Amino acid sequence: MSKELNPAGRDAMTDFDDILNWRRRDSRVTLSGQPTEEQLGALAKAEIKRIINLGPYSNKGALNDEPGTVAHLGMGYVYIPVDFDAPTETDFKTFCEAMVEEPDALVHVHCIYNARVSAFFYRYAREGRGGNTSDAFALMDGIWRPGGVWADFIGKPEDSGQPNRYKGYEYM
């Protein structure tokens, strides 16, 4: 069976390596750091139906009007502003609810760097909510190794005394 390309010349399974720390979780969900407006347009053309943003609008690099851009492109939008220094159980609960809200829709989840998002997906898998724990860990470990409050948040208290470490900077 051949794949038909959408108007952007990409199919729904296209990789978007031009988006910061872009990763594919599975056939339905992708994740990344902050996409540009142009990259959001490419995601819409690739049939992504929902954007979930875990990065606060106050972060450096956040778009001026991401909700407006996403609405104009015809995608749904969920905003969960996770404080990097203090992720909460409420943040995670809201994320879990957003992930099951439209179970058949193609979804792209992002924050500024893909640290918050990859940690959320690791915890999501670890708690048996979806995905393979080993795959989710590898996805997260390809970006960073959480320490401090993030280690506690994802259920790895043995790393809570460590700083956050980022691939290419503090480990290889």
N, C-alpha and C. Protein backbone atom coordinates (compact mmCIF):
# COMPACT_ATOMS: atom_id res chain seq x y z
N MET A 1 0.85 -1.17 0.00
CA MET A 1 0.00 0.00 0.00
C MET A 1 0.89 1.24 0.00
N SER A 2 0.66 2.12 -0.93
CA SER A 2 1.47 3.33 -0.97
C SER A 2 0.83 4.42 -0.12
N LYS A 3 1.67 5.29 0.39
CA LYS A 3 1.17 6.39 1.21
C LYS A 3 0.88 7.58 0.32
N GLU A 4 -0.24 8.23 0.58
CA GLU A 4 -0.54 9.46 -0.13
C GLU A 4 -0.01 10.63 0.68
N LEU A 5 0.59 11.58 -0.01
CA LEU A 5 1.13 12.74 0.66
C LEU A 5 0.07 13.82 0.76
N ASN A 6 0.09 14.56 1.84
CA ASN A 6 -0.83 15.68 1.99
C ASN A 6 -0.27 16.89 1.24
N PRO A 7 -0.95 18.02 1.23
CA PRO A 7 -0.49 19.18 0.46
C PRO A 7 0.89 19.69 0.85
N ALA A 8 1.35 19.40 2.06
CA ALA A 8 2.68 19.84 2.47
C ALA A 8 3.76 18.90 1.92
N GLY A 9 3.35 17.84 1.23
CA GLY A 9 4.32 16.89 0.71
C GLY A 9 4.77 15.90 1.77
N ARG A 10 4.04 15.83 2.88
CA ARG A 10 4.39 14.93 3.96
C ARG A 10 3.17 14.08 4.29
N ASP A 11 3.39 12.88 4.78
CA ASP A 11 2.27 12.11 5.28
C ASP A 11 2.24 12.23 6.80
N ALA A 12 1.24 11.67 7.41
CA ALA A 12 1.08 11.80 8.86
C ALA A 12 2.22 11.15 9.63
N MET A 13 3.00 10.32 8.99
CA MET A 13 4.12 9.66 9.66
C MET A 13 5.44 10.38 9.43
N THR A 14 5.42 11.52 8.78
CA THR A 14 6.63 12.26 8.50
C THR A 14 7.34 12.68 9.78
N ASP A 15 8.65 12.62 9.73
CA ASP A 15 9.44 13.14 10.84
C ASP A 15 9.71 14.62 10.59
N PHE A 16 9.78 15.38 11.66
CA PHE A 16 10.00 16.82 11.60
C PHE A 16 11.31 17.15 12.30
N ASP A 17 12.41 16.69 11.73
CA ASP A 17 13.72 16.87 12.35
C ASP A 17 14.15 18.33 12.44
N ASP A 18 13.43 19.22 11.75
CA ASP A 18 13.76 20.65 11.82
C ASP A 18 13.19 21.31 13.07
N ILE A 19 12.35 20.61 13.83
CA ILE A 19 11.81 21.14 15.07
C ILE A 19 12.71 20.69 16.21
N LEU A 20 13.06 21.60 17.11
CA LEU A 20 13.97 21.34 18.22
C LEU A 20 13.56 20.09 19.00
N ASN A 21 14.49 19.16 19.13
CA ASN A 21 14.30 17.93 19.91
C ASN A 21 13.02 17.17 19.56
N TRP A 22 12.67 17.17 18.28
CA TRP A 22 11.49 16.46 17.81
C TRP A 22 11.68 14.96 17.99
N ARG A 23 10.65 14.31 18.50
CA ARG A 23 10.65 12.85 18.67
C ARG A 23 9.27 12.30 18.34
N ARG A 24 9.25 11.06 17.90
CA ARG A 24 7.98 10.34 17.67
C ARG A 24 7.81 9.35 18.81
N ARG A 25 6.70 9.45 19.52
CA ARG A 25 6.39 8.50 20.59
C ARG A 25 5.79 7.23 20.00
N ASP A 26 4.84 7.41 19.08
CA ASP A 26 4.18 6.29 18.41
C ASP A 26 3.49 6.84 17.17
N SER A 27 2.62 6.05 16.56
CA SER A 27 1.98 6.49 15.32
C SER A 27 0.99 7.62 15.52
N ARG A 28 0.62 7.91 16.75
CA ARG A 28 -0.37 8.95 17.05
C ARG A 28 0.23 10.21 17.67
N VAL A 29 1.33 10.07 18.40
CA VAL A 29 1.84 11.17 19.23
C VAL A 29 3.29 11.51 18.88
N THR A 30 3.53 12.81 18.69
CA THR A 30 4.89 13.32 18.55
C THR A 30 5.11 14.38 19.62
N LEU A 31 6.38 14.68 19.88
CA LEU A 31 6.71 15.66 20.90
C LEU A 31 7.97 16.42 20.50
N SER A 32 8.14 17.62 21.08
CA SER A 32 9.29 18.44 20.71
C SER A 32 9.46 19.60 21.67
N GLY A 33 10.51 20.38 21.35
CA GLY A 33 10.65 21.71 21.93
C GLY A 33 9.71 22.64 21.15
N GLN A 34 9.85 23.93 21.39
CA GLN A 34 8.94 24.93 20.81
C GLN A 34 9.00 24.98 19.29
N PRO A 35 7.89 24.67 18.61
CA PRO A 35 7.86 24.85 17.16
C PRO A 35 7.64 26.33 16.81
N THR A 36 8.11 26.73 15.65
CA THR A 36 7.83 28.07 15.14
C THR A 36 6.42 28.08 14.55
N GLU A 37 5.93 29.26 14.19
CA GLU A 37 4.62 29.33 13.54
C GLU A 37 4.62 28.54 12.24
N GLU A 38 5.70 28.63 11.48
CA GLU A 38 5.81 27.89 10.21
C GLU A 38 5.78 26.38 10.47
N GLN A 39 6.47 25.93 11.51
CA GLN A 39 6.49 24.51 11.84
C GLN A 39 5.12 24.03 12.34
N LEU A 40 4.40 24.88 13.06
CA LEU A 40 3.03 24.53 13.44
C LEU A 40 2.17 24.34 12.19
N GLY A 41 2.37 25.20 11.18
CA GLY A 41 1.65 25.04 9.92
C GLY A 41 1.96 23.72 9.25
N ALA A 42 3.22 23.31 9.29
CA ALA A 42 3.60 22.02 8.70
C ALA A 42 2.96 20.86 9.48
N LEU A 43 2.89 21.00 10.79
CA LEU A 43 2.23 19.96 11.60
C LEU A 43 0.75 19.86 11.23
N ALA A 44 0.10 21.00 11.05
CA ALA A 44 -1.32 20.99 10.66
C ALA A 44 -1.49 20.32 9.30
N LYS A 45 -0.61 20.61 8.37
CA LYS A 45 -0.70 19.99 7.04
C LYS A 45 -0.43 18.49 7.07
N ALA A 46 0.26 18.05 8.13
CA ALA A 46 0.52 16.61 8.29
C ALA A 46 -0.58 15.94 9.11
N GLU A 47 -1.69 16.64 9.25
CA GLU A 47 -2.90 16.10 9.86
C GLU A 47 -2.86 15.98 11.39
N ILE A 48 -1.95 16.70 12.03
CA ILE A 48 -1.98 16.79 13.49
C ILE A 48 -3.25 17.56 13.84
N LYS A 49 -4.03 17.04 14.79
CA LYS A 49 -5.32 17.66 15.14
C LYS A 49 -5.29 18.42 16.45
N ARG A 50 -4.33 18.11 17.33
CA ARG A 50 -4.27 18.76 18.64
C ARG A 50 -2.84 19.09 18.99
N ILE A 51 -2.69 20.25 19.58
CA ILE A 51 -1.40 20.68 20.14
C ILE A 51 -1.59 20.79 21.65
N ILE A 52 -0.69 20.17 22.40
CA ILE A 52 -0.67 20.32 23.85
C ILE A 52 0.65 21.00 24.20
N ASN A 53 0.57 22.14 24.85
CA ASN A 53 1.74 22.94 25.19
C ASN A 53 1.96 22.95 26.69
N LEU A 54 3.11 22.42 27.14
CA LEU A 54 3.46 22.42 28.56
C LEU A 54 4.40 23.57 28.92
N GLY A 55 4.77 24.40 27.95
CA GLY A 55 5.71 25.49 28.20
C GLY A 55 4.99 26.80 28.49
N PRO A 56 5.27 27.44 29.63
CA PRO A 56 4.63 28.73 29.93
C PRO A 56 4.94 29.78 28.87
N TYR A 57 3.97 30.63 28.61
CA TYR A 57 4.14 31.69 27.62
C TYR A 57 5.25 32.64 27.99
N SER A 58 5.61 32.70 29.27
CA SER A 58 6.67 33.61 29.72
C SER A 58 8.07 33.10 29.40
N ASN A 59 8.20 31.86 28.96
CA ASN A 59 9.52 31.31 28.63
C ASN A 59 10.12 31.98 27.40
N LYS A 60 11.42 32.16 27.43
CA LYS A 60 12.15 32.66 26.27
C LYS A 60 11.92 31.69 25.11
N GLY A 61 11.53 32.21 23.96
CA GLY A 61 11.30 31.38 22.79
C GLY A 61 9.85 31.01 22.56
N ALA A 62 8.98 31.28 23.55
CA ALA A 62 7.56 30.99 23.37
C ALA A 62 6.98 31.92 22.31
N LEU A 63 5.98 31.45 21.59
CA LEU A 63 5.35 32.27 20.56
C LEU A 63 4.45 33.33 21.18
N ASN A 64 4.30 34.46 20.49
CA ASN A 64 3.48 35.56 21.00
C ASN A 64 2.01 35.19 21.14
N ASP A 65 1.48 34.44 20.17
CA ASP A 65 0.07 34.07 20.21
C ASP A 65 -0.12 32.66 19.68
N GLU A 66 0.44 31.70 20.38
CA GLU A 66 0.33 30.31 19.93
C GLU A 66 -1.12 29.84 19.86
N PRO A 67 -1.97 30.15 20.85
CA PRO A 67 -3.37 29.70 20.73
C PRO A 67 -4.04 30.23 19.47
N GLY A 68 -3.79 31.49 19.12
CA GLY A 68 -4.37 32.08 17.92
C GLY A 68 -3.85 31.42 16.66
N THR A 69 -2.55 31.17 16.61
CA THR A 69 -1.95 30.51 15.45
C THR A 69 -2.53 29.11 15.27
N VAL A 70 -2.61 28.36 16.36
CA VAL A 70 -3.11 26.99 16.29
C VAL A 70 -4.59 26.97 15.87
N ALA A 71 -5.38 27.88 16.43
CA ALA A 71 -6.81 27.96 16.06
C ALA A 71 -6.95 28.30 14.57
N HIS A 72 -6.15 29.25 14.10
CA HIS A 72 -6.19 29.64 12.68
C HIS A 72 -5.86 28.45 11.77
N LEU A 73 -5.00 27.57 12.24
CA LEU A 73 -4.60 26.40 11.47
C LEU A 73 -5.61 25.25 11.58
N GLY A 74 -6.65 25.43 12.41
CA GLY A 74 -7.70 24.42 12.53
C GLY A 74 -7.40 23.28 13.48
N MET A 75 -6.45 23.48 14.37
CA MET A 75 -6.12 22.44 15.34
C MET A 75 -6.66 22.83 16.71
N GLY A 76 -6.91 21.83 17.54
CA GLY A 76 -7.28 22.08 18.93
C GLY A 76 -6.03 22.43 19.73
N TYR A 77 -6.23 23.08 20.86
CA TYR A 77 -5.09 23.55 21.67
C TYR A 77 -5.37 23.35 23.15
N VAL A 78 -4.41 22.77 23.85
CA VAL A 78 -4.47 22.61 25.29
C VAL A 78 -3.21 23.24 25.87
N TYR A 79 -3.40 24.12 26.84
CA TYR A 79 -2.28 24.82 27.48
C TYR A 79 -2.17 24.41 28.93
N ILE A 80 -1.03 23.82 29.28
CA ILE A 80 -0.75 23.40 30.65
C ILE A 80 0.60 24.01 31.03
N PRO A 81 0.62 25.22 31.59
CA PRO A 81 1.89 25.90 31.87
C PRO A 81 2.62 25.30 33.06
N VAL A 82 3.54 24.38 32.80
CA VAL A 82 4.27 23.68 33.86
C VAL A 82 5.48 24.52 34.27
N ASP A 83 5.51 24.91 35.53
CA ASP A 83 6.66 25.63 36.10
C ASP A 83 7.83 24.65 36.17
N PHE A 84 8.91 24.95 35.46
CA PHE A 84 10.03 24.01 35.40
C PHE A 84 10.62 23.72 36.77
N ASP A 85 10.56 24.69 37.66
CA ASP A 85 11.12 24.51 39.00
C ASP A 85 10.16 23.81 39.97
N ALA A 86 8.93 23.60 39.54
CA ALA A 86 7.94 23.02 40.46
C ALA A 86 6.80 22.33 39.71
N PRO A 87 7.07 21.22 39.00
CA PRO A 87 5.97 20.50 38.34
C PRO A 87 5.02 19.95 39.41
N THR A 88 3.73 19.97 39.13
CA THR A 88 2.75 19.56 40.14
C THR A 88 1.96 18.34 39.72
N GLU A 89 1.31 17.75 40.71
CA GLU A 89 0.41 16.63 40.44
C GLU A 89 -0.78 17.11 39.61
N THR A 90 -1.23 18.34 39.83
CA THR A 90 -2.32 18.89 39.04
C THR A 90 -1.91 19.01 37.58
N ASP A 91 -0.67 19.46 37.33
CA ASP A 91 -0.16 19.53 35.95
C ASP A 91 -0.24 18.15 35.30
N PHE A 92 0.23 17.14 36.01
CA PHE A 92 0.26 15.79 35.45
C PHE A 92 -1.16 15.26 35.22
N LYS A 93 -2.05 15.48 36.17
CA LYS A 93 -3.43 15.04 36.02
C LYS A 93 -4.08 15.69 34.79
N THR A 94 -3.85 16.99 34.62
CA THR A 94 -4.40 17.71 33.46
C THR A 94 -3.83 17.15 32.16
N PHE A 95 -2.53 16.85 32.16
CA PHE A 95 -1.87 16.24 31.00
C PHE A 95 -2.51 14.89 30.68
N CYS A 96 -2.69 14.05 31.69
CA CYS A 96 -3.28 12.73 31.48
C CYS A 96 -4.68 12.84 30.89
N GLU A 97 -5.46 13.77 31.39
CA GLU A 97 -6.81 14.00 30.86
C GLU A 97 -6.75 14.45 29.41
N ALA A 98 -5.82 15.34 29.09
CA ALA A 98 -5.69 15.83 27.71
C ALA A 98 -5.28 14.71 26.76
N MET A 99 -4.49 13.76 27.23
CA MET A 99 -4.02 12.68 26.37
C MET A 99 -5.13 11.70 25.98
N VAL A 100 -6.16 11.60 26.79
CA VAL A 100 -7.24 10.65 26.47
C VAL A 100 -8.49 11.33 25.94
N GLU A 101 -8.45 12.65 25.86
CA GLU A 101 -9.65 13.40 25.46
C GLU A 101 -10.11 13.06 24.04
N GLU A 102 -9.21 12.97 23.11
CA GLU A 102 -9.54 12.60 21.73
C GLU A 102 -8.61 11.44 21.34
N PRO A 103 -8.97 10.21 21.72
CA PRO A 103 -8.05 9.08 21.59
C PRO A 103 -7.62 8.73 20.17
N ASP A 104 -8.35 9.17 19.16
CA ASP A 104 -7.96 8.84 17.78
C ASP A 104 -7.26 9.98 17.06
N ALA A 105 -7.19 11.15 17.67
CA ALA A 105 -6.59 12.31 17.01
C ALA A 105 -5.07 12.23 17.05
N LEU A 106 -4.43 12.69 15.97
CA LEU A 106 -2.98 12.83 15.97
C LEU A 106 -2.65 14.05 16.83
N VAL A 107 -1.70 13.88 17.75
CA VAL A 107 -1.39 14.89 18.75
C VAL A 107 0.10 15.22 18.73
N HIS A 108 0.39 16.52 18.89
CA HIS A 108 1.78 16.95 19.08
C HIS A 108 1.86 17.67 20.42
N VAL A 109 2.77 17.22 21.28
CA VAL A 109 2.95 17.79 22.61
C VAL A 109 4.32 18.47 22.65
N HIS A 110 4.35 19.71 23.14
CA HIS A 110 5.64 20.40 23.20
C HIS A 110 5.76 21.26 24.44
N CYS A 111 6.98 21.65 24.71
CA CYS A 111 7.30 22.69 25.69
C CYS A 111 8.37 23.53 25.03
N ILE A 112 9.28 24.08 25.75
CA ILE A 112 10.31 24.91 25.12
C ILE A 112 11.47 24.05 24.59
N TYR A 113 11.88 23.02 25.36
CA TYR A 113 13.06 22.22 25.00
C TYR A 113 12.76 20.73 24.81
N ASN A 114 11.61 20.27 25.23
CA ASN A 114 11.19 18.87 25.27
C ASN A 114 11.72 18.16 26.51
N ALA A 115 12.05 18.91 27.54
CA ALA A 115 12.42 18.31 28.82
C ALA A 115 11.14 17.98 29.60
N ARG A 116 10.29 18.97 29.83
CA ARG A 116 9.04 18.74 30.54
C ARG A 116 8.26 17.60 29.88
N VAL A 117 8.08 17.70 28.57
CA VAL A 117 7.24 16.75 27.84
C VAL A 117 7.79 15.33 27.93
N SER A 118 9.08 15.16 27.68
CA SER A 118 9.64 13.80 27.72
C SER A 118 9.55 13.21 29.12
N ALA A 119 9.70 14.03 30.16
CA ALA A 119 9.55 13.54 31.54
C ALA A 119 8.10 13.16 31.82
N PHE A 120 7.16 13.96 31.34
CA PHE A 120 5.75 13.63 31.52
C PHE A 120 5.43 12.30 30.84
N PHE A 121 5.93 12.07 29.63
CA PHE A 121 5.64 10.81 28.95
C PHE A 121 6.32 9.63 29.63
N TYR A 122 7.49 9.84 30.21
CA TYR A 122 8.13 8.75 30.95
C TYR A 122 7.26 8.38 32.16
N ARG A 123 6.82 9.37 32.92
CA ARG A 123 5.96 9.08 34.07
C ARG A 123 4.65 8.45 33.61
N TYR A 124 4.09 8.95 32.53
CA TYR A 124 2.84 8.42 31.96
C TYR A 124 2.98 6.92 31.69
N ALA A 125 4.08 6.52 31.06
CA ALA A 125 4.32 5.11 30.77
C ALA A 125 4.61 4.33 32.06
N ARG A 126 5.41 4.91 32.91
CA ARG A 126 5.79 4.24 34.16
C ARG A 126 4.56 3.93 35.03
N GLU A 127 3.56 4.79 34.98
CA GLU A 127 2.33 4.57 35.74
C GLU A 127 1.32 3.69 35.01
N GLY A 128 1.71 3.15 33.84
CA GLY A 128 0.84 2.24 33.11
C GLY A 128 -0.28 2.92 32.36
N ARG A 129 -0.13 4.20 32.05
CA ARG A 129 -1.19 4.95 31.38
C ARG A 129 -1.08 4.88 29.85
N GLY A 130 0.03 4.41 29.36
CA GLY A 130 0.21 4.28 27.91
C GLY A 130 1.68 4.34 27.54
N GLY A 131 2.04 3.49 26.60
CA GLY A 131 3.42 3.46 26.13
C GLY A 131 4.27 2.50 26.93
N ASN A 132 5.40 2.19 26.37
CA ASN A 132 6.37 1.28 26.96
C ASN A 132 7.35 2.08 27.81
N THR A 133 7.58 1.66 29.05
CA THR A 133 8.44 2.39 29.97
C THR A 133 9.87 2.50 29.43
N SER A 134 10.40 1.42 28.89
CA SER A 134 11.78 1.45 28.36
C SER A 134 11.90 2.41 27.20
N ASP A 135 10.91 2.39 26.30
CA ASP A 135 10.92 3.32 25.17
C ASP A 135 10.80 4.77 25.64
N ALA A 136 9.93 5.00 26.63
CA ALA A 136 9.75 6.36 27.15
C ALA A 136 11.02 6.84 27.84
N PHE A 137 11.70 5.94 28.56
CA PHE A 137 12.96 6.33 29.20
C PHE A 137 14.00 6.67 28.14
N ALA A 138 14.11 5.85 27.11
CA ALA A 138 15.09 6.11 26.05
C ALA A 138 14.80 7.43 25.35
N LEU A 139 13.54 7.72 25.12
CA LEU A 139 13.16 8.98 24.49
C LEU A 139 13.60 10.16 25.37
N MET A 140 13.30 10.08 26.68
CA MET A 140 13.69 11.13 27.61
C MET A 140 15.21 11.22 27.72
N ASP A 141 15.88 10.08 27.84
CA ASP A 141 17.33 10.05 28.02
C ASP A 141 18.07 10.58 26.80
N GLY A 142 17.41 10.57 25.64
CA GLY A 142 18.00 11.15 24.45
C GLY A 142 18.01 12.67 24.47
N ILE A 143 17.36 13.25 25.47
CA ILE A 143 17.28 14.71 25.62
C ILE A 143 17.92 15.16 26.93
N TRP A 144 17.53 14.47 28.03
CA TRP A 144 18.06 14.87 29.34
C TRP A 144 17.88 13.76 30.36
N ARG A 145 18.57 13.93 31.49
CA ARG A 145 18.43 13.06 32.65
C ARG A 145 17.99 13.94 33.82
N PRO A 146 16.72 13.82 34.20
CA PRO A 146 16.21 14.68 35.26
C PRO A 146 16.85 14.42 36.63
N GLY A 147 17.08 15.50 37.34
CA GLY A 147 17.53 15.45 38.73
C GLY A 147 16.58 16.29 39.56
N GLY A 148 16.91 16.46 40.83
CA GLY A 148 16.13 17.34 41.70
C GLY A 148 14.64 17.05 41.71
N VAL A 149 13.85 18.12 41.63
CA VAL A 149 12.39 17.97 41.69
C VAL A 149 11.85 17.11 40.55
N TRP A 150 12.52 17.14 39.41
CA TRP A 150 12.06 16.33 38.28
C TRP A 150 12.28 14.85 38.52
N ALA A 151 13.39 14.49 39.16
CA ALA A 151 13.62 13.08 39.48
C ALA A 151 12.52 12.58 40.42
N ASP A 152 12.17 13.39 41.40
CA ASP A 152 11.07 13.02 42.30
C ASP A 152 9.76 12.92 41.53
N PHE A 153 9.51 13.87 40.66
CA PHE A 153 8.27 13.92 39.89
C PHE A 153 8.06 12.67 39.04
N ILE A 154 9.14 12.16 38.43
CA ILE A 154 9.00 10.99 37.56
C ILE A 154 9.17 9.67 38.30
N GLY A 155 9.39 9.73 39.60
CA GLY A 155 9.50 8.50 40.38
C GLY A 155 10.88 7.89 40.41
N LYS A 156 11.93 8.73 40.33
CA LYS A 156 13.30 8.25 40.42
C LYS A 156 14.02 8.99 41.55
N PRO A 157 13.58 8.74 42.80
CA PRO A 157 14.15 9.48 43.93
C PRO A 157 15.66 9.27 44.09
N GLU A 158 16.19 8.19 43.55
CA GLU A 158 17.63 7.96 43.62
C GLU A 158 18.43 9.03 42.87
N ASP A 159 17.77 9.76 41.96
CA ASP A 159 18.45 10.82 41.21
C ASP A 159 18.11 12.22 41.74
N SER A 160 17.35 12.31 42.83
CA SER A 160 16.91 13.63 43.30
C SER A 160 18.07 14.49 43.80
N GLY A 161 19.18 13.89 44.18
CA GLY A 161 20.35 14.66 44.59
C GLY A 161 21.23 15.11 43.43
N GLN A 162 20.87 14.69 42.23
CA GLN A 162 21.63 15.06 41.03
C GLN A 162 21.05 16.33 40.41
N PRO A 163 21.86 17.08 39.68
CA PRO A 163 21.30 18.19 38.90
C PRO A 163 20.65 17.63 37.64
N ASN A 164 19.85 18.44 36.96
CA ASN A 164 19.37 18.07 35.63
C ASN A 164 20.58 18.04 34.71
N ARG A 165 20.68 17.01 33.89
CA ARG A 165 21.78 16.87 32.95
C ARG A 165 21.23 16.76 31.54
N TYR A 166 21.87 17.42 30.60
CA TYR A 166 21.37 17.49 29.23
C TYR A 166 22.32 16.82 28.27
N LYS A 167 21.77 16.01 27.39
CA LYS A 167 22.59 15.26 26.43
C LYS A 167 23.41 16.23 25.59
N GLY A 168 24.67 15.90 25.47
CA GLY A 168 25.58 16.75 24.70
C GLY A 168 26.30 17.78 25.55
N TYR A 169 25.79 18.00 26.76
CA TYR A 169 26.43 18.96 27.66
C TYR A 169 27.03 18.24 28.86
N GLU A 170 26.22 17.51 29.62
CA GLU A 170 26.70 16.86 30.82
C GLU A 170 26.86 15.35 30.69
N TYR A 171 26.40 14.77 29.60
CA TYR A 171 26.60 13.34 29.39
C TYR A 171 26.50 13.04 27.90
N MET A 172 27.01 11.92 27.54
CA MET A 172 26.95 11.46 26.15
C MET A 172 26.35 10.10 26.07
